[in-house]
Amino acid sequence: MNLFLKYAPLFIVSLFLIVLILSIKVMVSSPFYRDSGVISLEEKSSHYAFFLPVEDYSFFKQIKEGAVRASETLDCSISFFSIDDDPISLGMVPYLGFDGICLYPYGMDDKVKDSINKISNYGIPLIQLENEIVRNETTFFIGTNNFDSGKAIGKIAQLANKDLYNIVLIYSDKNPGLLSGRSLVEMGLKSVLEDKVDKLYVRKTDLNPLDAERLAYEIVKNSPEIDLIVLSDPNDTLVAVQAIIDNNLVGKVQIIGFGDDSRILEYISKDIILGTIVRNPYRIGYSAVLALDEIEKNGYTSAYVDTGINLISKNSLLNGKYSD
């Protein structure tokens, strides 16, 4: 016992020195350490939060890229969270010190609507992307004009040169902004095709990535009069096209797709898809950050920002550009 007490101080000192040496070694090998010393991270004056769906779609990736690029030109930082199941929930936003919020809501979710109203009541600037489920004096919208989306569909449909069109519009829970504005989409479509629309059917897919394939098989089997299928989601476009190919209906049933996935563009070049409409997610993300910065500096911004839409047809691909 006396021997232990005799050597205990030496043991404790040795242990302390070992821990100190290891700590210094870890610090030196850290990516934040340089020859000139530890990097001091620049503190930003504003911090904005984006709440986006968890799905790993290129659309949401490009929204993030646009937001990050805008933040690099401004004195602000961006944090990204899932609107679906992130530990940092919308309900906690008023207590976390964010200077502004951007979110992409799915559908008319009551829980999300309550959170939006709560954030607004705290005076925190809030921007809804593509799908506006709450409209008041403290919320703003950035996204695509649904009437223009309908007109774009009509313009592509005209490329089929039909006297009459029997159309099925397939909306999707994966694109809630277009789904919630379906009346405007259909008005825009009819404004272009006018009395050439013989029949117009409306169907919907859920978040299941294969739901459009099931629906496309059902349509070609039970509704042979349909000669034009319009999709509102890139993944739905790809699986619906496969159903048309499998049933040897290429050319007989025209497809208007959604998005600029490389496979969709390839199908257009091979005359399997008539054309596609494309939103600009990068511009949506970029514009959202600019709007939040403007609100913080000036106290206001435009309540509605239309980020536009492009059309892609075989002709525009051959010319190497999108057409408006």
C-alpha atoms as a PDB file:
ATOM      1  CA  MET A   1       0.000   0.000   0.000  1.00  0.00           C
ATOM      2  CA  ASN A   2       2.839   2.353   0.899  1.00  0.00           C
ATOM      3  CA  LEU A   3       4.512   1.411  -2.393  1.00  0.00           C
ATOM      4  CA  PHE A   4       1.380   2.415  -4.349  1.00  0.00           C
ATOM      5  CA  LEU A   5       1.147   5.765  -2.586  1.00  0.00           C
ATOM      6  CA  LYS A   6       4.827   6.334  -3.267  1.00  0.00           C
ATOM      7  CA  TYR A   7       4.554   5.856  -7.030  1.00  0.00           C
ATOM      8  CA  ALA A   8       0.978   7.129  -7.620  1.00  0.00           C
ATOM      9  CA  PRO A   9       2.007  10.790  -8.242  1.00  0.00           C
ATOM     10  CA  LEU A  10       4.596   9.653 -10.800  1.00  0.00           C
ATOM     11  CA  PHE A  11       1.993   7.486 -12.543  1.00  0.00           C
ATOM     12  CA  ILE A  12      -0.541  10.359 -12.699  1.00  0.00           C
ATOM     13  CA  VAL A  13       2.057  12.795 -14.085  1.00  0.00           C
ATOM     14  CA  SER A  14       3.120  10.261 -16.732  1.00  0.00           C
ATOM     15  CA  LEU A  15      -0.475   9.667 -17.748  1.00  0.00           C
ATOM     16  CA  PHE A  16      -1.059  13.393 -18.019  1.00  0.00           C
ATOM     17  CA  LEU A  17       2.004  13.840 -20.263  1.00  0.00           C
ATOM     18  CA  ILE A  18       0.854  10.997 -22.545  1.00  0.00           C
ATOM     19  CA  VAL A  19      -2.606  12.519 -22.936  1.00  0.00           C
ATOM     20  CA  LEU A  20      -1.069  15.938 -23.603  1.00  0.00           C
ATOM     21  CA  ILE A  21       1.232  14.565 -26.309  1.00  0.00           C
ATOM     22  CA  LEU A  22      -1.609  12.684 -28.004  1.00  0.00           C
ATOM     23  CA  SER A  23      -3.805  15.786 -27.940  1.00  0.00           C
ATOM     24  CA  ILE A  24      -1.098  17.872 -29.598  1.00  0.00           C
ATOM     25  CA  LYS A  25      -0.600  15.159 -32.220  1.00  0.00           C
ATOM     26  CA  VAL A  26      -4.300  15.075 -33.057  1.00  0.00           C
ATOM     27  CA  MET A  27      -4.419  18.866 -33.290  1.00  0.00           C
ATOM     28  CA  VAL A  28      -1.427  19.035 -35.643  1.00  0.00           C
ATOM     29  CA  SER A  29      -2.839  16.318 -37.916  1.00  0.00           C
ATOM     30  CA  SER A  30      -6.260  17.994 -38.050  1.00  0.00           C
ATOM     31  CA  PRO A  31      -7.306  19.439 -41.428  1.00  0.00           C
ATOM     32  CA  PHE A  32      -8.007  22.715 -39.605  1.00  0.00           C
ATOM     33  CA  TYR A  33      -4.343  23.064 -38.575  1.00  0.00           C
ATOM     34  CA  ARG A  34      -1.767  24.697 -40.858  1.00  0.00           C
ATOM     35  CA  ASP A  35       1.860  25.760 -40.467  1.00  0.00           C
ATOM     36  CA  SER A  36       0.727  29.282 -39.656  1.00  0.00           C
ATOM     37  CA  GLY A  37      -1.603  28.033 -36.933  1.00  0.00           C
ATOM     38  CA  VAL A  38      -5.225  27.089 -36.555  1.00  0.00           C
ATOM     39  CA  ILE A  39      -7.580  28.546 -39.178  1.00  0.00           C
ATOM     40  CA  SER A  40      -9.979  31.088 -37.746  1.00  0.00           C
ATOM     41  CA  LEU A  41     -13.348  30.586 -39.436  1.00  0.00           C
ATOM     42  CA  GLU A  42     -14.948  33.808 -40.635  1.00  0.00           C
ATOM     43  CA  GLU A  43     -18.121  34.552 -38.754  1.00  0.00           C
ATOM     44  CA  LYS A  44     -21.094  35.326 -40.969  1.00  0.00           C
ATOM     45  CA  SER A  45     -23.623  37.983 -40.056  1.00  0.00           C
ATOM     46  CA  SER A  46     -26.652  35.895 -41.127  1.00  0.00           C
ATOM     47  CA  HIS A  47     -27.616  32.233 -40.856  1.00  0.00           C
ATOM     48  CA  TYR A  48     -30.411  30.765 -42.997  1.00  0.00           C
ATOM     49  CA  ALA A  49     -31.957  27.293 -42.830  1.00  0.00           C
ATOM     50  CA  PHE A  50     -33.309  25.243 -45.742  1.00  0.00           C
ATOM     51  CA  PHE A  51     -35.792  22.444 -45.073  1.00  0.00           C
ATOM     52  CA  LEU A  52     -35.999  20.136 -48.099  1.00  0.00           C
ATOM     53  CA  PRO A  53     -37.443  16.658 -48.722  1.00  0.00           C
ATOM     54  CA  VAL A  54     -35.075  13.853 -47.844  1.00  0.00           C
ATOM     55  CA  GLU A  55     -35.335  12.247 -51.297  1.00  0.00           C
ATOM     56  CA  ASP A  56     -32.007  12.260 -53.119  1.00  0.00           C
ATOM     57  CA  TYR A  57     -33.335  13.822 -56.337  1.00  0.00           C
ATOM     58  CA  SER A  58     -31.075  15.939 -58.551  1.00  0.00           C
ATOM     59  CA  PHE A  59     -33.717  18.698 -58.308  1.00  0.00           C
ATOM     60  CA  PHE A  60     -33.087  19.197 -54.580  1.00  0.00           C
ATOM     61  CA  LYS A  61     -29.322  18.862 -55.040  1.00  0.00           C
ATOM     62  CA  GLN A  62     -29.424  21.750 -57.515  1.00  0.00           C
ATOM     63  CA  ILE A  63     -31.506  23.849 -55.124  1.00  0.00           C
ATOM     64  CA  LYS A  64     -28.736  23.322 -52.547  1.00  0.00           C
ATOM     65  CA  GLU A  65     -26.036  24.202 -55.079  1.00  0.00           C
ATOM     66  CA  GLY A  66     -27.789  27.445 -55.982  1.00  0.00           C
ATOM     67  CA  ALA A  67     -28.261  28.374 -52.328  1.00  0.00           C
ATOM     68  CA  VAL A  68     -24.620  27.666 -51.465  1.00  0.00           C
ATOM     69  CA  ARG A  69     -23.385  29.657 -54.448  1.00  0.00           C
ATOM     70  CA  ALA A  70     -25.514  32.652 -53.431  1.00  0.00           C
ATOM     71  CA  SER A  71     -24.252  32.423 -49.848  1.00  0.00           C
ATOM     72  CA  GLU A  72     -20.673  32.645 -51.140  1.00  0.00           C
ATOM     73  CA  THR A  73     -21.442  36.030 -52.663  1.00  0.00           C
ATOM     74  CA  LEU A  74     -23.174  37.321 -49.531  1.00  0.00           C
ATOM     75  CA  ASP A  75     -22.290  37.579 -45.863  1.00  0.00           C
ATOM     76  CA  CYS A  76     -24.377  34.551 -44.808  1.00  0.00           C
ATOM     77  CA  SER A  77     -24.201  30.856 -44.039  1.00  0.00           C
ATOM     78  CA  ILE A  78     -26.648  28.055 -44.928  1.00  0.00           C
ATOM     79  CA  SER A  79     -27.717  24.944 -43.025  1.00  0.00           C
ATOM     80  CA  PHE A  80     -29.754  22.176 -44.655  1.00  0.00           C
ATOM     81  CA  PHE A  81     -32.270  19.958 -42.882  1.00  0.00           C
ATOM     82  CA  SER A  82     -34.862  17.386 -43.870  1.00  0.00           C
ATOM     83  CA  ILE A  83     -38.430  18.633 -43.791  1.00  0.00           C
ATOM     84  CA  ASP A  84     -39.550  15.027 -43.214  1.00  0.00           C
ATOM     85  CA  ASP A  85     -37.732  13.600 -40.214  1.00  0.00           C
ATOM     86  CA  ASP A  86     -34.759  15.734 -39.243  1.00  0.00           C
ATOM     87  CA  PRO A  87     -34.002  16.064 -35.488  1.00  0.00           C
ATOM     88  CA  ILE A  88     -33.999  19.837 -36.031  1.00  0.00           C
ATOM     89  CA  SER A  89     -37.724  20.082 -36.742  1.00  0.00           C
ATOM     90  CA  LEU A  90     -39.638  23.047 -38.086  1.00  0.00           C
ATOM     91  CA  GLY A  91     -41.306  23.353 -34.705  1.00  0.00           C
ATOM     92  CA  MET A  92     -37.938  24.222 -33.135  1.00  0.00           C
ATOM     93  CA  VAL A  93     -37.052  26.957 -35.634  1.00  0.00           C
ATOM     94  CA  PRO A  94     -38.282  29.955 -33.564  1.00  0.00           C
ATOM     95  CA  TYR A  95     -35.833  29.032 -30.781  1.00  0.00           C
ATOM     96  CA  LEU A  96     -32.713  28.361 -32.864  1.00  0.00           C
ATOM     97  CA  GLY A  97     -31.768  31.885 -33.909  1.00  0.00           C
ATOM     98  CA  PHE A  98     -32.046  31.508 -37.689  1.00  0.00           C
ATOM     99  CA  ASP A  99     -32.366  34.796 -39.591  1.00  0.00           C
ATOM    100  CA  GLY A 100     -34.556  33.288 -42.317  1.00  0.00           C
ATOM    101  CA  ILE A 101     -36.125  30.012 -43.448  1.00  0.00           C
ATOM    102  CA  CYS A 102     -36.668  28.380 -46.840  1.00  0.00           C
ATOM    103  CA  LEU A 103     -38.739  25.220 -47.139  1.00  0.00           C
ATOM    104  CA  TYR A 104     -40.122  22.932 -49.818  1.00  0.00           C
ATOM    105  CA  PRO A 105     -43.391  21.599 -48.401  1.00  0.00           C
ATOM    106  CA  TYR A 106     -45.080  18.426 -49.645  1.00  0.00           C
ATOM    107  CA  GLY A 107     -48.837  18.744 -50.034  1.00  0.00           C
ATOM    108  CA  MET A 108     -51.134  20.442 -47.516  1.00  0.00           C
ATOM    109  CA  ASP A 109     -49.569  18.929 -44.407  1.00  0.00           C
ATOM    110  CA  ASP A 110     -51.320  20.385 -41.337  1.00  0.00           C
ATOM    111  CA  LYS A 111     -48.236  19.960 -39.155  1.00  0.00           C
ATOM    112  CA  VAL A 112     -46.081  21.884 -41.620  1.00  0.00           C
ATOM    113  CA  LYS A 113     -48.773  24.575 -41.981  1.00  0.00           C
ATOM    114  CA  ASP A 114     -48.871  25.024 -38.194  1.00  0.00           C
ATOM    115  CA  SER A 115     -45.074  25.320 -38.088  1.00  0.00           C
ATOM    116  CA  ILE A 116     -45.096  27.918 -40.879  1.00  0.00           C
ATOM    117  CA  ASN A 117     -47.670  29.997 -39.036  1.00  0.00           C
ATOM    118  CA  LYS A 118     -45.675  29.713 -35.816  1.00  0.00           C
ATOM    119  CA  ILE A 119     -42.473  30.847 -37.542  1.00  0.00           C
ATOM    120  CA  SER A 120     -44.334  33.755 -39.155  1.00  0.00           C
ATOM    121  CA  ASN A 121     -45.755  34.824 -35.790  1.00  0.00           C
ATOM    122  CA  TYR A 122     -42.199  35.088 -34.476  1.00  0.00           C
ATOM    123  CA  GLY A 123     -41.371  37.485 -37.320  1.00  0.00           C
ATOM    124  CA  ILE A 124     -38.827  35.181 -38.993  1.00  0.00           C
ATOM    125  CA  PRO A 125     -38.765  35.653 -42.809  1.00  0.00           C
ATOM    126  CA  LEU A 126     -40.006  32.477 -44.501  1.00  0.00           C
ATOM    127  CA  ILE A 127     -39.901  31.480 -48.172  1.00  0.00           C
ATOM    128  CA  GLN A 128     -41.897  28.588 -49.614  1.00  0.00           C
ATOM    129  CA  LEU A 129     -40.318  26.941 -52.648  1.00  0.00           C
ATOM    130  CA  GLU A 130     -42.528  25.713 -55.523  1.00  0.00           C
ATOM    131  CA  ASN A 131     -45.508  24.898 -53.298  1.00  0.00           C
ATOM    132  CA  GLU A 132     -47.261  27.663 -51.356  1.00  0.00           C
ATOM    133  CA  ILE A 133     -49.411  26.105 -48.643  1.00  0.00           C
ATOM    134  CA  VAL A 134     -49.663  29.209 -46.427  1.00  0.00           C
ATOM    135  CA  ARG A 135     -50.166  32.729 -47.704  1.00  0.00           C
ATOM    136  CA  ASN A 136     -49.798  35.723 -45.403  1.00  0.00           C
ATOM    137  CA  GLU A 137     -47.913  39.011 -45.098  1.00  0.00           C
ATOM    138  CA  THR A 138     -44.721  37.459 -43.739  1.00  0.00           C
ATOM    139  CA  THR A 139     -44.302  34.539 -46.172  1.00  0.00           C
ATOM    140  CA  PHE A 140     -42.937  34.638 -49.710  1.00  0.00           C
ATOM    141  CA  PHE A 141     -43.009  32.311 -52.732  1.00  0.00           C
ATOM    142  CA  ILE A 142     -40.250  31.388 -55.157  1.00  0.00           C
ATOM    143  CA  GLY A 143     -40.869  28.887 -57.918  1.00  0.00           C
ATOM    144  CA  THR A 144     -42.570  28.122 -61.206  1.00  0.00           C
ATOM    145  CA  ASN A 145     -45.752  29.656 -62.583  1.00  0.00           C
ATOM    146  CA  ASN A 146     -48.199  26.771 -63.049  1.00  0.00           C
ATOM    147  CA  PHE A 147     -50.143  28.489 -65.842  1.00  0.00           C
ATOM    148  CA  ASP A 148     -46.885  28.791 -67.795  1.00  0.00           C
ATOM    149  CA  SER A 149     -46.188  25.107 -67.104  1.00  0.00           C
ATOM    150  CA  GLY A 150     -49.524  24.244 -68.698  1.00  0.00           C
ATOM    151  CA  LYS A 151     -48.765  26.448 -71.701  1.00  0.00           C
ATOM    152  CA  ALA A 152     -45.391  24.711 -72.068  1.00  0.00           C
ATOM    153  CA  ILE A 153     -47.116  21.323 -72.133  1.00  0.00           C
ATOM    154  CA  GLY A 154     -49.474  22.609 -74.818  1.00  0.00           C
ATOM    155  CA  LYS A 155     -46.628  23.927 -76.959  1.00  0.00           C
ATOM    156  CA  ILE A 156     -44.852  20.568 -76.852  1.00  0.00           C
ATOM    157  CA  ALA A 157     -48.124  18.750 -77.605  1.00  0.00           C
ATOM    158  CA  GLN A 158     -48.482  20.823 -80.772  1.00  0.00           C
ATOM    159  CA  LEU A 159     -45.363  19.088 -82.118  1.00  0.00           C
ATOM    160  CA  ALA A 160     -47.465  15.934 -82.543  1.00  0.00           C
ATOM    161  CA  ASN A 161     -49.590  17.750 -85.163  1.00  0.00           C
ATOM    162  CA  LYS A 162     -52.874  16.092 -84.193  1.00  0.00           C
ATOM    163  CA  ASP A 163     -56.356  17.317 -85.077  1.00  0.00           C
ATOM    164  CA  LEU A 164     -57.663  16.165 -81.690  1.00  0.00           C
ATOM    165  CA  TYR A 165     -55.869  15.204 -78.494  1.00  0.00           C
ATOM    166  CA  ASN A 166     -56.906  12.621 -75.897  1.00  0.00           C
ATOM    167  CA  ILE A 167     -54.672  13.491 -72.985  1.00  0.00           C
ATOM    168  CA  VAL A 168     -53.996  12.111 -69.538  1.00  0.00           C
ATOM    169  CA  LEU A 169     -52.201  14.438 -67.132  1.00  0.00           C
ATOM    170  CA  ILE A 170     -50.387  12.454 -64.447  1.00  0.00           C
ATOM    171  CA  TYR A 171     -49.659  14.599 -61.417  1.00  0.00           C
ATOM    172  CA  SER A 172     -47.484  13.344 -58.588  1.00  0.00           C
ATOM    173  CA  ASP A 173     -47.033  13.712 -54.850  1.00  0.00           C
ATOM    174  CA  LYS A 174     -43.343  14.004 -55.764  1.00  0.00           C
ATOM    175  CA  ASN A 175     -44.082  17.393 -57.345  1.00  0.00           C
ATOM    176  CA  PRO A 176     -46.613  18.970 -54.959  1.00  0.00           C
ATOM    177  CA  GLY A 177     -46.259  22.453 -56.410  1.00  0.00           C
ATOM    178  CA  LEU A 178     -47.659  21.392 -59.767  1.00  0.00           C
ATOM    179  CA  LEU A 179     -50.251  19.184 -58.105  1.00  0.00           C
ATOM    180  CA  SER A 180     -51.594  21.980 -55.913  1.00  0.00           C
ATOM    181  CA  GLY A 181     -51.869  24.300 -58.926  1.00  0.00           C
ATOM    182  CA  ARG A 182     -53.435  21.769 -61.287  1.00  0.00           C
ATOM    183  CA  SER A 183     -56.321  24.060 -62.274  1.00  0.00           C
ATOM    184  CA  LEU A 184     -53.830  26.632 -63.573  1.00  0.00           C
ATOM    185  CA  VAL A 185     -51.838  23.923 -65.373  1.00  0.00           C
ATOM    186  CA  GLU A 186     -54.956  22.732 -67.189  1.00  0.00           C
ATOM    187  CA  MET A 187     -56.018  26.285 -68.040  1.00  0.00           C
ATOM    188  CA  GLY A 188     -52.581  26.938 -69.545  1.00  0.00           C
ATOM    189  CA  LEU A 189     -52.730  23.716 -71.562  1.00  0.00           C
ATOM    190  CA  LYS A 190     -56.183  24.524 -72.964  1.00  0.00           C
ATOM    191  CA  SER A 191     -55.182  28.102 -73.765  1.00  0.00           C
ATOM    192  CA  VAL A 192     -52.689  26.691 -76.276  1.00  0.00           C
ATOM    193  CA  LEU A 193     -54.526  23.680 -77.709  1.00  0.00           C
ATOM    194  CA  GLU A 194     -57.990  25.293 -77.447  1.00  0.00           C
ATOM    195  CA  ASP A 195     -60.700  23.146 -79.085  1.00  0.00           C
ATOM    196  CA  LYS A 196     -58.223  20.456 -80.117  1.00  0.00           C
ATOM    197  CA  VAL A 197     -58.526  18.903 -76.644  1.00  0.00           C
ATOM    198  CA  ASP A 198     -61.039  16.094 -77.146  1.00  0.00           C
ATOM    199  CA  LYS A 199     -60.681  14.396 -73.744  1.00  0.00           C
ATOM    200  CA  LEU A 200     -58.562  15.391 -70.758  1.00  0.00           C
ATOM    201  CA  TYR A 201     -58.115  12.873 -67.958  1.00  0.00           C
ATOM    202  CA  VAL A 202     -56.298  13.473 -64.683  1.00  0.00           C
ATOM    203  CA  ARG A 203     -54.486  10.836 -62.636  1.00  0.00           C
ATOM    204  CA  LYS A 204     -51.961  10.954 -59.791  1.00  0.00           C
ATOM    205  CA  THR A 205     -48.988   8.962 -58.539  1.00  0.00           C
ATOM    206  CA  ASP A 206     -47.744   8.756 -54.970  1.00  0.00           C
ATOM    207  CA  LEU A 207     -44.181   8.875 -53.615  1.00  0.00           C
ATOM    208  CA  ASN A 208     -43.523   5.289 -54.701  1.00  0.00           C
ATOM    209  CA  PRO A 209     -40.928   5.509 -57.517  1.00  0.00           C
ATOM    210  CA  LEU A 210     -42.638   2.674 -59.423  1.00  0.00           C
ATOM    211  CA  ASP A 211     -46.204   3.935 -59.127  1.00  0.00           C
ATOM    212  CA  ALA A 212     -46.083   5.619 -62.554  1.00  0.00           C
ATOM    213  CA  GLU A 213     -45.124   2.341 -64.218  1.00  0.00           C
ATOM    214  CA  ARG A 214     -48.163   0.626 -62.733  1.00  0.00           C
ATOM    215  CA  LEU A 215     -50.381   3.520 -63.762  1.00  0.00           C
ATOM    216  CA  ALA A 216     -48.996   3.668 -67.316  1.00  0.00           C
ATOM    217  CA  TYR A 217     -49.705  -0.056 -67.825  1.00  0.00           C
ATOM    218  CA  GLU A 218     -53.211   0.511 -66.498  1.00  0.00           C
ATOM    219  CA  ILE A 219     -53.821   3.445 -68.859  1.00  0.00           C
ATOM    220  CA  VAL A 220     -52.671   1.721 -72.056  1.00  0.00           C
ATOM    221  CA  LYS A 221     -54.669  -1.385 -71.150  1.00  0.00           C
ATOM    222  CA  ASN A 222     -57.945   0.236 -70.115  1.00  0.00           C
ATOM    223  CA  SER A 223     -57.935   3.514 -72.074  1.00  0.00           C
ATOM    224  CA  PRO A 224     -56.792   2.781 -75.643  1.00  0.00           C
ATOM    225  CA  GLU A 225     -58.124   6.162 -76.833  1.00  0.00           C
ATOM    226  CA  ILE A 226     -55.331   7.966 -74.929  1.00  0.00           C
ATOM    227  CA  ASP A 227     -52.684   9.197 -77.363  1.00  0.00           C
ATOM    228  CA  LEU A 228     -50.765  11.627 -75.135  1.00  0.00           C
ATOM    229  CA  ILE A 229     -49.457  11.011 -71.606  1.00  0.00           C
ATOM    230  CA  VAL A 230     -48.059  13.980 -69.676  1.00  0.00           C
ATOM    231  CA  LEU A 231     -45.835  13.368 -66.629  1.00  0.00           C
ATOM    232  CA  SER A 232     -44.931  15.819 -63.866  1.00  0.00           C
ATOM    233  CA  ASP A 233     -41.908  14.111 -62.312  1.00  0.00           C
ATOM    234  CA  PRO A 234     -38.583  12.929 -63.824  1.00  0.00           C
ATOM    235  CA  ASN A 235     -38.691   9.465 -62.256  1.00  0.00           C
ATOM    236  CA  ASP A 236     -42.336   8.998 -63.280  1.00  0.00           C
ATOM    237  CA  THR A 237     -41.329   9.942 -66.818  1.00  0.00           C
ATOM    238  CA  LEU A 238     -38.669   7.257 -67.032  1.00  0.00           C
ATOM    239  CA  VAL A 239     -40.778   4.385 -65.702  1.00  0.00           C
ATOM    240  CA  ALA A 240     -43.829   5.392 -67.785  1.00  0.00           C
ATOM    241  CA  VAL A 241     -41.715   5.416 -70.935  1.00  0.00           C
ATOM    242  CA  GLN A 242     -40.600   1.891 -70.173  1.00  0.00           C
ATOM    243  CA  ALA A 243     -44.245   0.796 -70.063  1.00  0.00           C
ATOM    244  CA  ILE A 244     -44.849   2.350 -73.485  1.00  0.00           C
ATOM    245  CA  ILE A 245     -41.780   0.601 -74.901  1.00  0.00           C
ATOM    246  CA  ASP A 246     -42.784  -2.759 -73.400  1.00  0.00           C
ATOM    247  CA  ASN A 247     -46.233  -2.496 -75.000  1.00  0.00           C
ATOM    248  CA  ASN A 248     -44.839  -1.532 -78.441  1.00  0.00           C
ATOM    249  CA  LEU A 249     -46.712   1.775 -78.369  1.00  0.00           C
ATOM    250  CA  VAL A 250     -43.819   4.101 -79.214  1.00  0.00           C
ATOM    251  CA  GLY A 251     -45.165   6.694 -81.654  1.00  0.00           C
ATOM    252  CA  LYS A 252     -48.764   5.677 -81.125  1.00  0.00           C
ATOM    253  CA  VAL A 253     -48.826   7.038 -77.570  1.00  0.00           C
ATOM    254  CA  GLN A 254     -46.801  10.232 -77.231  1.00  0.00           C
ATOM    255  CA  ILE A 255     -45.039  11.129 -73.975  1.00  0.00           C
ATOM    256  CA  ILE A 256     -44.371  14.589 -72.612  1.00  0.00           C
ATOM    257  CA  GLY A 257     -41.846  14.277 -69.821  1.00  0.00           C
ATOM    258  CA  PHE A 258     -40.640  16.375 -66.933  1.00  0.00           C
ATOM    259  CA  GLY A 259     -37.043  17.285 -66.124  1.00  0.00           C
ATOM    260  CA  ASP A 260     -33.741  17.123 -67.974  1.00  0.00           C
ATOM    261  CA  ASP A 261     -32.352  13.791 -66.803  1.00  0.00           C
ATOM    262  CA  SER A 262     -29.809  12.536 -69.348  1.00  0.00           C
ATOM    263  CA  ARG A 263     -31.958   9.471 -70.079  1.00  0.00           C
ATOM    264  CA  ILE A 264     -34.973  11.683 -70.792  1.00  0.00           C
ATOM    265  CA  LEU A 265     -32.899  13.717 -73.247  1.00  0.00           C
ATOM    266  CA  GLU A 266     -31.739  10.502 -74.905  1.00  0.00           C
ATOM    267  CA  TYR A 267     -35.346   9.345 -75.314  1.00  0.00           C
ATOM    268  CA  ILE A 268     -36.196  12.698 -76.915  1.00  0.00           C
ATOM    269  CA  SER A 269     -33.339  12.359 -79.403  1.00  0.00           C
ATOM    270  CA  LYS A 270     -34.651   8.880 -80.330  1.00  0.00           C
ATOM    271  CA  ASP A 271     -38.247  10.151 -80.810  1.00  0.00           C
ATOM    272  CA  ILE A 272     -39.524   8.072 -77.893  1.00  0.00           C
ATOM    273  CA  ILE A 273     -40.436  11.180 -75.867  1.00  0.00           C
ATOM    274  CA  LEU A 274     -41.998  14.145 -77.653  1.00  0.00           C
ATOM    275  CA  GLY A 275     -40.440  16.700 -75.335  1.00  0.00           C
ATOM    276  CA  THR A 276     -40.000  17.716 -71.719  1.00  0.00           C
ATOM    277  CA  ILE A 277     -40.531  20.750 -69.517  1.00  0.00           C
ATOM    278  CA  VAL A 278     -37.749  21.825 -67.187  1.00  0.00           C
ATOM    279  CA  ARG A 279     -37.725  23.982 -64.071  1.00  0.00           C
ATOM    280  CA  ASN A 280     -34.584  25.729 -62.848  1.00  0.00           C
ATOM    281  CA  PRO A 281     -33.835  24.432 -59.328  1.00  0.00           C
ATOM    282  CA  TYR A 282     -30.412  26.110 -59.201  1.00  0.00           C
ATOM    283  CA  ARG A 283     -32.063  29.486 -59.804  1.00  0.00           C
ATOM    284  CA  ILE A 284     -34.729  28.669 -57.209  1.00  0.00           C
ATOM    285  CA  GLY A 285     -32.087  28.061 -54.505  1.00  0.00           C
ATOM    286  CA  TYR A 286     -30.025  31.065 -55.549  1.00  0.00           C
ATOM    287  CA  SER A 287     -33.040  33.391 -55.645  1.00  0.00           C
ATOM    288  CA  ALA A 288     -34.218  32.198 -52.237  1.00  0.00           C
ATOM    289  CA  VAL A 289     -30.990  33.266 -50.535  1.00  0.00           C
ATOM    290  CA  LEU A 290     -30.991  36.621 -52.336  1.00  0.00           C
ATOM    291  CA  ALA A 291     -34.580  37.200 -51.203  1.00  0.00           C
ATOM    292  CA  LEU A 292     -33.799  36.392 -47.560  1.00  0.00           C
ATOM    293  CA  ASP A 293     -30.821  38.730 -47.671  1.00  0.00           C
ATOM    294  CA  GLU A 294     -32.992  41.494 -49.149  1.00  0.00           C
ATOM    295  CA  ILE A 295     -35.655  41.005 -46.463  1.00  0.00           C
ATOM    296  CA  GLU A 296     -33.065  41.240 -43.711  1.00  0.00           C
ATOM    297  CA  LYS A 297     -31.431  44.369 -45.131  1.00  0.00           C
ATOM    298  CA  ASN A 298     -34.452  46.242 -46.480  1.00  0.00           C
ATOM    299  CA  GLY A 299     -37.360  44.723 -44.603  1.00  0.00           C
ATOM    300  CA  TYR A 300     -39.100  43.540 -47.773  1.00  0.00           C
ATOM    301  CA  THR A 301     -38.739  41.625 -51.053  1.00  0.00           C
ATOM    302  CA  SER A 302     -41.017  40.559 -53.879  1.00  0.00           C
ATOM    303  CA  ALA A 303     -43.805  38.350 -52.512  1.00  0.00           C
ATOM    304  CA  TYR A 304     -43.663  36.220 -55.668  1.00  0.00           C
ATOM    305  CA  VAL A 305     -40.591  35.304 -57.736  1.00  0.00           C
ATOM    306  CA  ASP A 306     -41.165  33.305 -60.927  1.00  0.00           C
ATOM    307  CA  THR A 307     -38.011  31.350 -61.774  1.00  0.00           C
ATOM    308  CA  GLY A 308     -39.243  30.415 -65.240  1.00  0.00           C
ATOM    309  CA  ILE A 309     -39.523  27.239 -67.259  1.00  0.00           C
ATOM    310  CA  ASN A 310     -37.831  25.834 -70.364  1.00  0.00           C
ATOM    311  CA  LEU A 311     -38.967  23.434 -73.069  1.00  0.00           C
ATOM    312  CA  ILE A 312     -36.807  20.752 -74.598  1.00  0.00           C
ATOM    313  CA  SER A 313     -37.709  19.097 -77.884  1.00  0.00           C
ATOM    314  CA  LYS A 314     -35.671  17.156 -80.420  1.00  0.00           C
ATOM    315  CA  ASN A 315     -35.252  20.348 -82.433  1.00  0.00           C
ATOM    316  CA  SER A 316     -33.873  22.288 -79.462  1.00  0.00           C
ATOM    317  CA  LEU A 317     -31.477  19.427 -78.688  1.00  0.00           C
ATOM    318  CA  LEU A 318     -30.204  19.517 -82.280  1.00  0.00           C
ATOM    319  CA  ASN A 319     -29.712  23.257 -81.957  1.00  0.00           C
ATOM    320  CA  GLY A 320     -27.869  22.751 -78.689  1.00  0.00           C
ATOM    321  CA  LYS A 321     -30.188  24.909 -76.595  1.00  0.00           C
ATOM    322  CA  TYR A 322     -33.454  24.942 -74.708  1.00  0.00           C
ATOM    323  CA  SER A 323     -36.404  26.801 -76.190  1.00  0.00           C
ATOM    324  CA  ASP A 324     -38.778  29.048 -74.264  1.00  0.00           C
END
